[in-house]
Amino acid sequence: MADASENSLSGIELFSVLDKDQLAEVESRCRWRRFASHQQIIDRESSSRDVFFVISGKVRIVNYSFSGRGIILDELEPGSYFGELSAIDSQPRSARVIAIAESLIGSLPQKHFLETLEAHPKMALHVMQHLSTLLRGATQRIMDLSTLGANNRVHADLLRQAGEIRDTTKTAVLDPVPIHNDIASRVSTTRETVARVMNDLARRDIVEKKGNSLIIKDVQRLRDMVEEVRGE
């Protein structure tokens, strides 16, 4: 059971449009639970309809192939939320969610989530924009899996992790160093392929490992490599 003093949704961007009293009302309808690292929060095809909020920690959204291979769909930090699809359409869960660090999670029942959206149109718009972002990301991922070779998919994943850096003189720091198995899971390749690509990028002075960080020394060059293959 979480400490009552920690049971706050103030760090969740979705609720930024609510005043103090409105936020407190939503919080009173939430359930709070702390999950250990590697503990499952929801399972794929489960019938729960709650919406979940990451108060602290980190969670991973993952699916598994028929062979049992894990496919990482996303990783969420504090301030994020998940589970809204099932709350909206009342269909079974589309993925499994697992804590990958000790995490405090708030959950809001479907009925209260939908009532809150109806009462606050700006929140509903936020959810629509969030779903649009997810759809665009999924579309790009499908295109990359369909059109890019494994090496280029690794490049694209590193670029995604680097974020939207537009200044061509800037570098990006990924801390901690991305785990090769995790990259392989996201881009549907092998750990050995990821290791080979990372070594090649290091030889070309595009990335450098320092301590527990990976420095992308030339983000624009990496972006050019990805966009050239994508045809952008």
C-alpha atoms as a PDB file:
ATOM      1  CA  MET A   1       0.000   0.000   0.000  1.00  0.00           C
ATOM      2  CA  ALA A   2       1.315   3.433  -0.946  1.00  0.00           C
ATOM      3  CA  ASP A   3       1.853   6.224   1.566  1.00  0.00           C
ATOM      4  CA  ALA A   4      -1.201   8.497   1.469  1.00  0.00           C
ATOM      5  CA  SER A   5       1.067  11.541   1.159  1.00  0.00           C
ATOM      6  CA  GLU A   6       2.315  10.192  -2.187  1.00  0.00           C
ATOM      7  CA  ASN A   7      -1.165   9.620  -3.624  1.00  0.00           C
ATOM      8  CA  SER A   8      -1.129  12.624  -5.916  1.00  0.00           C
ATOM      9  CA  LEU A   9      -1.895  13.076  -9.608  1.00  0.00           C
ATOM     10  CA  SER A  10      -0.347  16.540  -9.705  1.00  0.00           C
ATOM     11  CA  GLY A  11       2.545  15.300 -11.818  1.00  0.00           C
ATOM     12  CA  ILE A  12       0.289  13.789 -14.500  1.00  0.00           C
ATOM     13  CA  GLU A  13       0.078  16.180 -17.451  1.00  0.00           C
ATOM     14  CA  LEU A  14      -3.414  14.963 -18.358  1.00  0.00           C
ATOM     15  CA  PHE A  15      -4.777  16.564 -15.180  1.00  0.00           C
ATOM     16  CA  SER A  16      -3.006  19.908 -15.553  1.00  0.00           C
ATOM     17  CA  VAL A  17      -6.294  21.576 -16.612  1.00  0.00           C
ATOM     18  CA  LEU A  18      -7.977  20.747 -13.283  1.00  0.00           C
ATOM     19  CA  ASP A  19      -7.984  23.033 -10.278  1.00  0.00           C
ATOM     20  CA  LYS A  20      -6.985  21.819  -6.829  1.00  0.00           C
ATOM     21  CA  ASP A  21     -10.469  20.718  -5.761  1.00  0.00           C
ATOM     22  CA  GLN A  22     -11.198  18.967  -9.053  1.00  0.00           C
ATOM     23  CA  LEU A  23      -7.891  17.120  -8.888  1.00  0.00           C
ATOM     24  CA  ALA A  24      -8.564  16.055  -5.297  1.00  0.00           C
ATOM     25  CA  GLU A  25     -11.915  14.622  -6.361  1.00  0.00           C
ATOM     26  CA  VAL A  26     -10.268  12.485  -9.052  1.00  0.00           C
ATOM     27  CA  GLU A  27      -7.566  11.375  -6.604  1.00  0.00           C
ATOM     28  CA  SER A  28     -10.216  10.247  -4.134  1.00  0.00           C
ATOM     29  CA  ARG A  29     -11.576   7.868  -6.782  1.00  0.00           C
ATOM     30  CA  CYS A  30      -8.201   6.313  -7.534  1.00  0.00           C
ATOM     31  CA  ARG A  31      -6.640   3.174  -6.150  1.00  0.00           C
ATOM     32  CA  TRP A  32      -2.939   3.246  -5.370  1.00  0.00           C
ATOM     33  CA  ARG A  33      -0.461   0.406  -5.492  1.00  0.00           C
ATOM     34  CA  ARG A  34       3.296   0.006  -5.468  1.00  0.00           C
ATOM     35  CA  PHE A  35       4.792  -2.547  -7.871  1.00  0.00           C
ATOM     36  CA  ALA A  36       8.208  -4.172  -7.578  1.00  0.00           C
ATOM     37  CA  SER A  37      10.587  -4.229 -10.521  1.00  0.00           C
ATOM     38  CA  HIS A  38       9.537  -6.925 -13.053  1.00  0.00           C
ATOM     39  CA  GLN A  39       6.077  -7.229 -11.499  1.00  0.00           C
ATOM     40  CA  GLN A  40       3.178  -7.358 -13.932  1.00  0.00           C
ATOM     41  CA  ILE A  41       0.652  -4.519 -13.742  1.00  0.00           C
ATOM     42  CA  ILE A  42      -1.819  -5.663 -16.395  1.00  0.00           C
ATOM     43  CA  ASP A  43      -1.848  -8.616 -18.782  1.00  0.00           C
ATOM     44  CA  ARG A  44      -2.742  -8.735 -22.441  1.00  0.00           C
ATOM     45  CA  GLU A  45      -6.381  -9.766 -23.081  1.00  0.00           C
ATOM     46  CA  SER A  46      -7.341  -9.059 -19.464  1.00  0.00           C
ATOM     47  CA  SER A  47     -10.822  -7.701 -18.811  1.00  0.00           C
ATOM     48  CA  SER A  48      -9.853  -4.783 -16.557  1.00  0.00           C
ATOM     49  CA  ARG A  49     -10.847  -1.330 -17.798  1.00  0.00           C
ATOM     50  CA  ASP A  50      -9.037   1.012 -15.397  1.00  0.00           C
ATOM     51  CA  VAL A  51      -6.732   3.773 -16.599  1.00  0.00           C
ATOM     52  CA  PHE A  52      -3.315   3.792 -14.908  1.00  0.00           C
ATOM     53  CA  PHE A  53      -1.018   6.682 -13.997  1.00  0.00           C
ATOM     54  CA  VAL A  54       2.732   6.402 -13.422  1.00  0.00           C
ATOM     55  CA  ILE A  55       3.428   8.401 -10.263  1.00  0.00           C
ATOM     56  CA  SER A  56       6.996   7.172  -9.821  1.00  0.00           C
ATOM     57  CA  GLY A  57       9.213   4.481 -11.311  1.00  0.00           C
ATOM     58  CA  LYS A  58       9.106   3.198 -14.880  1.00  0.00           C
ATOM     59  CA  VAL A  59       6.933   0.713 -16.771  1.00  0.00           C
ATOM     60  CA  ARG A  60       7.289  -1.211 -20.005  1.00  0.00           C
ATOM     61  CA  ILE A  61       4.543  -2.009 -22.502  1.00  0.00           C
ATOM     62  CA  VAL A  62       5.302  -5.311 -24.193  1.00  0.00           C
ATOM     63  CA  ASN A  63       3.743  -8.025 -26.319  1.00  0.00           C
ATOM     64  CA  TYR A  64       4.962 -11.540 -27.023  1.00  0.00           C
ATOM     65  CA  SER A  65       5.135 -13.465 -30.271  1.00  0.00           C
ATOM     66  CA  PHE A  66       3.837 -17.033 -30.583  1.00  0.00           C
ATOM     67  CA  SER A  67       7.424 -18.196 -30.035  1.00  0.00           C
ATOM     68  CA  GLY A  68       7.565 -16.274 -26.751  1.00  0.00           C
ATOM     69  CA  ARG A  69       9.821 -13.486 -27.974  1.00  0.00           C
ATOM     70  CA  GLY A  70       9.162 -10.180 -26.235  1.00  0.00           C
ATOM     71  CA  ILE A  71       8.453  -7.109 -28.362  1.00  0.00           C
ATOM     72  CA  ILE A  72       8.833  -3.809 -26.519  1.00  0.00           C
ATOM     73  CA  LEU A  73       6.223  -1.282 -27.608  1.00  0.00           C
ATOM     74  CA  ASP A  74       7.035   1.571 -25.246  1.00  0.00           C
ATOM     75  CA  GLU A  75       8.480   2.551 -21.890  1.00  0.00           C
ATOM     76  CA  LEU A  76       6.731   5.120 -19.714  1.00  0.00           C
ATOM     77  CA  GLU A  77       8.180   7.502 -17.148  1.00  0.00           C
ATOM     78  CA  PRO A  78       6.449   9.339 -14.278  1.00  0.00           C
ATOM     79  CA  GLY A  79       3.736  11.669 -15.538  1.00  0.00           C
ATOM     80  CA  SER A  80       2.547   9.156 -18.137  1.00  0.00           C
ATOM     81  CA  TYR A  81      -0.645   7.139 -18.294  1.00  0.00           C
ATOM     82  CA  PHE A  82      -1.791   3.957 -20.005  1.00  0.00           C
ATOM     83  CA  GLY A  83      -4.845   1.748 -20.362  1.00  0.00           C
ATOM     84  CA  GLU A  84      -7.042   4.406 -21.946  1.00  0.00           C
ATOM     85  CA  LEU A  85      -7.849   2.270 -25.017  1.00  0.00           C
ATOM     86  CA  SER A  86      -9.753  -0.348 -23.029  1.00  0.00           C
ATOM     87  CA  ALA A  87     -11.443   2.357 -20.971  1.00  0.00           C
ATOM     88  CA  ILE A  88     -12.679   4.006 -24.164  1.00  0.00           C
ATOM     89  CA  ASP A  89     -13.786   0.993 -26.229  1.00  0.00           C
ATOM     90  CA  SER A  90     -14.338  -1.630 -23.455  1.00  0.00           C
ATOM     91  CA  GLN A  91     -12.232  -4.162 -25.371  1.00  0.00           C
ATOM     92  CA  PRO A  92      -9.598  -6.474 -23.794  1.00  0.00           C
ATOM     93  CA  ARG A  93      -6.127  -5.143 -23.116  1.00  0.00           C
ATOM     94  CA  SER A  94      -3.940  -4.962 -26.224  1.00  0.00           C
ATOM     95  CA  ALA A  95      -0.604  -5.421 -24.419  1.00  0.00           C
ATOM     96  CA  ARG A  96       1.057  -6.446 -21.178  1.00  0.00           C
ATOM     97  CA  VAL A  97       2.476  -3.781 -18.853  1.00  0.00           C
ATOM     98  CA  ILE A  98       5.336  -4.568 -16.466  1.00  0.00           C
ATOM     99  CA  ALA A  99       7.155  -2.409 -13.938  1.00  0.00           C
ATOM    100  CA  ILE A 100      10.859  -2.246 -14.786  1.00  0.00           C
ATOM    101  CA  ALA A 101      11.679  -0.280 -11.632  1.00  0.00           C
ATOM    102  CA  GLU A 102       9.842  -0.022  -8.339  1.00  0.00           C
ATOM    103  CA  SER A 103       6.776   1.993  -9.324  1.00  0.00           C
ATOM    104  CA  LEU A 104       3.870   3.743  -7.660  1.00  0.00           C
ATOM    105  CA  ILE A 105       0.778   3.466  -9.851  1.00  0.00           C
ATOM    106  CA  GLY A 106      -2.605   5.118  -9.492  1.00  0.00           C
ATOM    107  CA  SER A 107      -5.604   3.557 -11.227  1.00  0.00           C
ATOM    108  CA  LEU A 108      -8.923   5.206 -12.038  1.00  0.00           C
ATOM    109  CA  PRO A 109     -11.980   3.039 -12.831  1.00  0.00           C
ATOM    110  CA  GLN A 110     -13.376   3.310 -16.346  1.00  0.00           C
ATOM    111  CA  LYS A 111     -16.631   4.940 -15.217  1.00  0.00           C
ATOM    112  CA  HIS A 112     -14.869   7.754 -13.380  1.00  0.00           C
ATOM    113  CA  PHE A 113     -12.333   8.251 -16.186  1.00  0.00           C
ATOM    114  CA  LEU A 114     -15.071   8.714 -18.800  1.00  0.00           C
ATOM    115  CA  GLU A 115     -17.089  10.953 -16.495  1.00  0.00           C
ATOM    116  CA  THR A 116     -14.038  13.149 -15.972  1.00  0.00           C
ATOM    117  CA  LEU A 117     -13.436  13.428 -19.722  1.00  0.00           C
ATOM    118  CA  GLU A 118     -17.072  14.391 -20.291  1.00  0.00           C
ATOM    119  CA  ALA A 119     -16.865  17.074 -17.600  1.00  0.00           C
ATOM    120  CA  HIS A 120     -13.566  18.500 -18.890  1.00  0.00           C
ATOM    121  CA  PRO A 121     -13.355  18.745 -22.719  1.00  0.00           C
ATOM    122  CA  LYS A 122      -9.725  19.922 -22.594  1.00  0.00           C
ATOM    123  CA  MET A 123      -8.816  16.603 -20.988  1.00  0.00           C
ATOM    124  CA  ALA A 124     -10.672  14.740 -23.721  1.00  0.00           C
ATOM    125  CA  LEU A 125      -8.730  16.729 -26.324  1.00  0.00           C
ATOM    126  CA  HIS A 126      -5.481  15.825 -24.555  1.00  0.00           C
ATOM    127  CA  VAL A 127      -6.373  12.126 -24.768  1.00  0.00           C
ATOM    128  CA  MET A 128      -7.195  12.470 -28.478  1.00  0.00           C
ATOM    129  CA  GLN A 129      -3.879  14.189 -29.142  1.00  0.00           C
ATOM    130  CA  HIS A 130      -2.094  11.493 -27.155  1.00  0.00           C
ATOM    131  CA  LEU A 131      -3.759   8.736 -29.190  1.00  0.00           C
ATOM    132  CA  SER A 132      -2.879  10.578 -32.412  1.00  0.00           C
ATOM    133  CA  THR A 133       0.771  10.607 -31.354  1.00  0.00           C
ATOM    134  CA  LEU A 134       0.644   6.872 -30.613  1.00  0.00           C
ATOM    135  CA  LEU A 135      -0.956   6.165 -33.989  1.00  0.00           C
ATOM    136  CA  ARG A 136       1.640   8.196 -35.873  1.00  0.00           C
ATOM    137  CA  GLY A 137       4.428   6.425 -33.989  1.00  0.00           C
ATOM    138  CA  ALA A 138       2.932   3.027 -34.745  1.00  0.00           C
ATOM    139  CA  THR A 139       2.597   3.932 -38.426  1.00  0.00           C
ATOM    140  CA  GLN A 140       6.253   4.978 -38.588  1.00  0.00           C
ATOM    141  CA  ARG A 141       7.280   1.786 -36.802  1.00  0.00           C
ATOM    142  CA  ILE A 142       5.343  -0.352 -39.286  1.00  0.00           C
ATOM    143  CA  MET A 143       6.981   1.513 -42.176  1.00  0.00           C
ATOM    144  CA  ASP A 144      10.435   1.057 -40.661  1.00  0.00           C
ATOM    145  CA  LEU A 145       9.882  -2.674 -40.105  1.00  0.00           C
ATOM    146  CA  SER A 146       8.628  -3.018 -43.669  1.00  0.00           C
ATOM    147  CA  THR A 147      11.210  -0.904 -45.486  1.00  0.00           C
ATOM    148  CA  LEU A 148      14.392  -0.637 -43.416  1.00  0.00           C
ATOM    149  CA  GLY A 149      17.077  -3.226 -42.929  1.00  0.00           C
ATOM    150  CA  ALA A 150      17.978  -4.324 -39.409  1.00  0.00           C
ATOM    151  CA  ASN A 151      21.013  -1.998 -39.263  1.00  0.00           C
ATOM    152  CA  ASN A 152      18.913   1.007 -40.244  1.00  0.00           C
ATOM    153  CA  ARG A 153      16.216   0.107 -37.713  1.00  0.00           C
ATOM    154  CA  VAL A 154      18.830   0.241 -34.965  1.00  0.00           C
ATOM    155  CA  HIS A 155      19.912   3.669 -36.228  1.00  0.00           C
ATOM    156  CA  ALA A 156      16.276   4.830 -36.179  1.00  0.00           C
ATOM    157  CA  ASP A 157      15.769   3.572 -32.633  1.00  0.00           C
ATOM    158  CA  LEU A 158      18.844   5.457 -31.387  1.00  0.00           C
ATOM    159  CA  LEU A 159      17.571   8.577 -33.134  1.00  0.00           C
ATOM    160  CA  ARG A 160      14.188   8.183 -31.443  1.00  0.00           C
ATOM    161  CA  GLN A 161      15.888   7.899 -28.068  1.00  0.00           C
ATOM    162  CA  ALA A 162      17.965  10.991 -28.813  1.00  0.00           C
ATOM    163  CA  GLY A 163      14.754  12.997 -29.133  1.00  0.00           C
ATOM    164  CA  GLU A 164      13.916  15.971 -31.260  1.00  0.00           C
ATOM    165  CA  ILE A 165      17.285  17.727 -31.407  1.00  0.00           C
ATOM    166  CA  ARG A 166      17.332  20.215 -34.285  1.00  0.00           C
ATOM    167  CA  ASP A 167      20.614  22.003 -33.653  1.00  0.00           C
ATOM    168  CA  THR A 168      23.132  20.171 -35.841  1.00  0.00           C
ATOM    169  CA  THR A 169      26.007  21.064 -33.477  1.00  0.00           C
ATOM    170  CA  LYS A 170      24.473  19.290 -30.518  1.00  0.00           C
ATOM    171  CA  THR A 171      25.076  15.805 -29.214  1.00  0.00           C
ATOM    172  CA  ALA A 172      22.704  13.611 -27.258  1.00  0.00           C
ATOM    173  CA  VAL A 173      23.393  11.630 -24.090  1.00  0.00           C
ATOM    174  CA  LEU A 174      21.521   8.402 -23.416  1.00  0.00           C
ATOM    175  CA  ASP A 175      21.774   7.522 -19.746  1.00  0.00           C
ATOM    176  CA  PRO A 176      21.942   4.700 -18.901  1.00  0.00           C
ATOM    177  CA  VAL A 177      23.476   3.012 -21.926  1.00  0.00           C
ATOM    178  CA  PRO A 178      20.678   1.354 -23.942  1.00  0.00           C
ATOM    179  CA  ILE A 179      20.555  -2.396 -23.382  1.00  0.00           C
ATOM    180  CA  HIS A 180      21.220  -4.292 -26.600  1.00  0.00           C
ATOM    181  CA  ASN A 181      18.477  -6.824 -25.891  1.00  0.00           C
ATOM    182  CA  ASP A 182      15.951  -4.009 -25.439  1.00  0.00           C
ATOM    183  CA  ILE A 183      16.894  -2.353 -28.731  1.00  0.00           C
ATOM    184  CA  ALA A 184      16.706  -5.727 -30.468  1.00  0.00           C
ATOM    185  CA  SER A 185      13.228  -6.280 -29.043  1.00  0.00           C
ATOM    186  CA  ARG A 186      11.994  -2.884 -30.213  1.00  0.00           C
ATOM    187  CA  VAL A 187      13.285  -3.196 -33.779  1.00  0.00           C
ATOM    188  CA  SER A 188      12.780  -6.944 -34.300  1.00  0.00           C
ATOM    189  CA  THR A 189      16.353  -8.079 -34.699  1.00  0.00           C
ATOM    190  CA  THR A 190      18.999  -9.910 -32.656  1.00  0.00           C
ATOM    191  CA  ARG A 191      21.242  -8.715 -29.864  1.00  0.00           C
ATOM    192  CA  GLU A 192      24.244  -9.670 -31.979  1.00  0.00           C
ATOM    193  CA  THR A 193      23.073  -7.400 -34.803  1.00  0.00           C
ATOM    194  CA  VAL A 194      22.639  -4.502 -32.367  1.00  0.00           C
ATOM    195  CA  ALA A 195      26.136  -5.061 -30.982  1.00  0.00           C
ATOM    196  CA  ARG A 196      27.591  -5.091 -34.497  1.00  0.00           C
ATOM    197  CA  VAL A 197      25.791  -1.863 -35.442  1.00  0.00           C
ATOM    198  CA  MET A 198      26.881  -0.118 -32.240  1.00  0.00           C
ATOM    199  CA  ASN A 199      30.500  -1.127 -32.841  1.00  0.00           C
ATOM    200  CA  ASP A 200      30.273   0.213 -36.390  1.00  0.00           C
ATOM    201  CA  LEU A 201      28.865   3.535 -35.178  1.00  0.00           C
ATOM    202  CA  ALA A 202      31.665   3.776 -32.616  1.00  0.00           C
ATOM    203  CA  ARG A 203      34.303   3.150 -35.299  1.00  0.00           C
ATOM    204  CA  ARG A 204      32.718   5.934 -37.375  1.00  0.00           C
ATOM    205  CA  ASP A 205      32.902   8.255 -34.350  1.00  0.00           C
ATOM    206  CA  ILE A 206      29.127   8.733 -34.269  1.00  0.00           C
ATOM    207  CA  VAL A 207      28.646   7.232 -30.801  1.00  0.00           C
ATOM    208  CA  GLU A 208      30.908   6.844 -27.801  1.00  0.00           C
ATOM    209  CA  LYS A 209      30.385   5.047 -24.518  1.00  0.00           C
ATOM    210  CA  LYS A 210      31.477   6.944 -21.434  1.00  0.00           C
ATOM    211  CA  GLY A 211      30.878   5.321 -18.083  1.00  0.00           C
ATOM    212  CA  ASN A 212      27.215   4.410 -17.891  1.00  0.00           C
ATOM    213  CA  SER A 213      26.209   6.754 -20.720  1.00  0.00           C
ATOM    214  CA  LEU A 214      26.120   6.516 -24.493  1.00  0.00           C
ATOM    215  CA  ILE A 215      26.981   9.763 -26.236  1.00  0.00           C
ATOM    216  CA  ILE A 216      25.613  10.294 -29.730  1.00  0.00           C
ATOM    217  CA  LYS A 217      28.323  12.664 -30.907  1.00  0.00           C
ATOM    218  CA  ASP A 218      26.699  13.666 -34.174  1.00  0.00           C
ATOM    219  CA  VAL A 219      22.902  13.542 -34.047  1.00  0.00           C
ATOM    220  CA  GLN A 220      22.508  15.191 -37.455  1.00  0.00           C
ATOM    221  CA  ARG A 221      24.743  12.622 -39.127  1.00  0.00           C
ATOM    222  CA  LEU A 222      22.698   9.822 -37.562  1.00  0.00           C
ATOM    223  CA  ARG A 223      19.491  11.558 -38.673  1.00  0.00           C
ATOM    224  CA  ASP A 224      20.847  11.876 -42.230  1.00  0.00           C
ATOM    225  CA  MET A 225      21.635   8.143 -42.279  1.00  0.00           C
ATOM    226  CA  VAL A 226      18.070   7.301 -41.287  1.00  0.00           C
ATOM    227  CA  GLU A 227      16.347   9.815 -43.548  1.00  0.00           C
ATOM    228  CA  GLU A 228      18.427   8.785 -46.566  1.00  0.00           C
ATOM    229  CA  VAL A 229      17.182   5.218 -46.298  1.00  0.00           C
ATOM    230  CA  ARG A 230      13.609   6.315 -45.517  1.00  0.00           C
ATOM    231  CA  GLY A 231      13.672   8.572 -48.552  1.00  0.00           C
ATOM    232  CA  GLU A 232      12.738  11.665 -46.547  1.00  0.00           C
END
